[in-house]
Amino acid sequence: MDSSPRFSTCLSWKRIVCSFFLPFILSGLAPSRKYKEYLISGEVRPQLPQYSRFNWSHLTPLELKNRSMGLQTESIAGSNPYFTLGGHKFLIFGGSIHYFRVPRAYWRDRLLKLKACGFNTVTTYVPWNLHEPQRGKFDFSGNLDLEAFVLMAAEIGLWVILRPGPYICSEIDLGGLPSWLLQDPNLRLRTTDNGFVEAVNQYFDHLMARVVPLQYHQGGPIIAVQVENEYGSFNKDKDYMPYLQKALLKRGIVELLLTSDSEKEVQRGSIKGVLATLNMNAFQENAIKSLHKMQRNKPIMVMEYWVGWFDTWGSGEHKVTNADDVEKTVSEFIKFEISFNIYMFHGGTNFGFINGAINFGRHTGVVTSYDYDAVLTEAGDYTNKYFKLRKLFGSILAFPLPPLPEITLKAVYPAVRPSLYLPLWDVLKYLNEPVISNKPVNMENLPINNGNGQSYGFILYETPICSGGELYADVQDTAQVGDSSFSMEVFLNETSIGMLNDDNQNLNIPEVRECQLLRVLVENQGRVNFSWKIQDQRKGLIGSITINNIPVEGYTIYSLEMKMNFFERLRSATWRPVPNNYLGPAFYLGTLKAGSSPKDTFLRPLNWNYGFVFINGHNLGRYWCIGPQETLYLPGAWLHPEDNEIILFEKSKSGSDIQTIDGPML
């Protein structure tokens, strides 16, 4: 030990400084006024910007036993309003993870990484459309086990803010509303229309019975619940938000309620007596001042700080944001003691058909990846943003951060060249019984799934025609009538003759010598998830087909939902050897050899055009040659040791290999 006079002087000064600051550190409160200078190694240097040293080590779900005082707002003269939890001053460091976008086997890994970064809260949406796929038939199993996710967060030491909707946006199909709501053309979504609130009440009866025991006051981790989502931008019914508030209260929600809107809509989306919060992509002083004027005795919270953005098909390059800007913005929030939630901490994946769409003049689907340029990548890997935030949080917290969880290993497997295929027309006999109708029926109104219609996938209309002429069809999303990569295609027998879409609803059918089978294949590319256009998102043929202005009648309608049991039936099909080149919609079968210890990887469908990939029955989502996304994330948790069944449904033309690589191409 150095016993020099200089060291002794330095040690004495350190004891003085520590004796002054320690009580504040232990209480979670630091001196509010700025000191002009401080001591480092006995030398006087200019004051550097100082943050409070926050100590929430005792404010975790497992440590905090006394649950009499939940998340509350406090306002004391001479200081900014603030949150308290358990009676202690508390700042929310939140990060969004959507359990339904992450394989269940990886929930713990993602939550541990959230905790290790320095966050104290996880926020998640609850997707109504996934939890109630049919009226009165609920699914909270497997990847939709909300209760298991919330309890796992508590076990890891995280609080939970729940955002149950009923509408959530979230770039998910129809903003999380179930498609069977669209069966009634007169029902008005997101209003107090009787048909809508009756459906919401039935859903909330079931959902809130699960949520209530998970609340803070009952020993759970849920400290706040959001009332709907961004209603200020919709704003069709002044009674709607107060109705939802009462619906939550009457079902036993006792924790802090909040709303969430952008700066311009926050007033319209607010409810009397409910905390209003902001959504923004950077520190916006004017927005914060405006919110403070609106609710002077309430703390400021940014419910969504967008650290990235989502991609849409054909939109150019993958959207990214600067890590330094993210660090700077979060530092500003902390400096002004603003609670915040990072959207997204970990985005995950739009597996299957769950992606939504936007329509600002043109319908554009959201890509399969929900990487969002988030703090963790789509595959759960660390980013520069992660390390910058961890360093920042580590510098202001009065307790050590948990060690970093190990990285998730990736692998490269041998390329897969499908050896067998089935044209779509050969598959029809393996589908459920078709619907016979004199007129076209849109997806949502098909008399299938116990009267709930079809939510996702494809729909095929067949009708005999005995003459050519000018065909007109009212379709949604897009009708592909030929060798093209869109979603509605028209065939004569098995030959593609053209494409229809919102811009082109007419097609010339050549004269036929004898009666032919007209086939129209339509895909739901994602229902719009934002704006009033959610009201008009029925898919398939939404009107009549005419040839030379004469209605075509008599349809056989096939539903191609591509659920797990469909692929089980395909195992008994007689597959054909793959030809050198095949044009038209078809299924392609191959084997992915993953070895004895499967790991995560990324599929790259080389020279394939447009379609979906299924691994052991799991729908990995859509690929499309127009980009920007070029690879599909394949979780190792969904792979079997050694051989794995891989099926592509390709709409346009056969490709070559399906490669695997150890990183994404977004």
Foldseek 3Di string as FASTA:
>chain_A
DDPDPLQVLQVVLVVVVCVVAVVCLVQQHGDDDFDQWHDDSNDTDGDDDDFAAGACVCVFLVNDDDLPFFWDWFFDPPDAIAIDGPNGTDFAQEAEDELLQDFPVCLLQLLLLCQLLQGAAYEYEQQQCQQPVDQPHGDCDGSNVVLVSQVSNRVSGHAYEYEYAPAQLLQWFLSRDHLLLLQDLPDAPLEVRVSHVVSVLSSCLVVLVSVQCQESNNSHRHQEYEQHAACLQALPYQVRSVVSVVSNVVSRDDHAYEYEHALVRQVSGDDPPHHYAHEEQADDPVSQVVSCVVPVRGAYEHEEHQQFAFDWFLPDAHTHDDLVRVLVRVVVCSRSSYHYYYVHQAQAFQFDQTGAWACPPATITTAGARQRNHCAGNQRHGDPNSVSSSVVSCVNYPDRRDDNDDGFFFDWFDWKFFFWKFAPVLLQVLAPAWDKFFFDDFQQQDCDPVRRGHRFWKKKKKAKDQFWAKKFFAFPAKAFQAQDADFKHKDFAQHRQGIGHPVRRIDTGHTDPGITMIMIMGGQSHHHSDYSSSSPGTGGGPGFMDGVNHTGTIITMTDPSLALVSVVSCVPGDIHTDDPKDFFWMKTKIKTFQAQQHGKWKKAQAFAAWWWKAKNRTTQGIDHPSDPWGITIDGSVSDHHTIIMMMTTGGTMDGGIITIDRDTRD
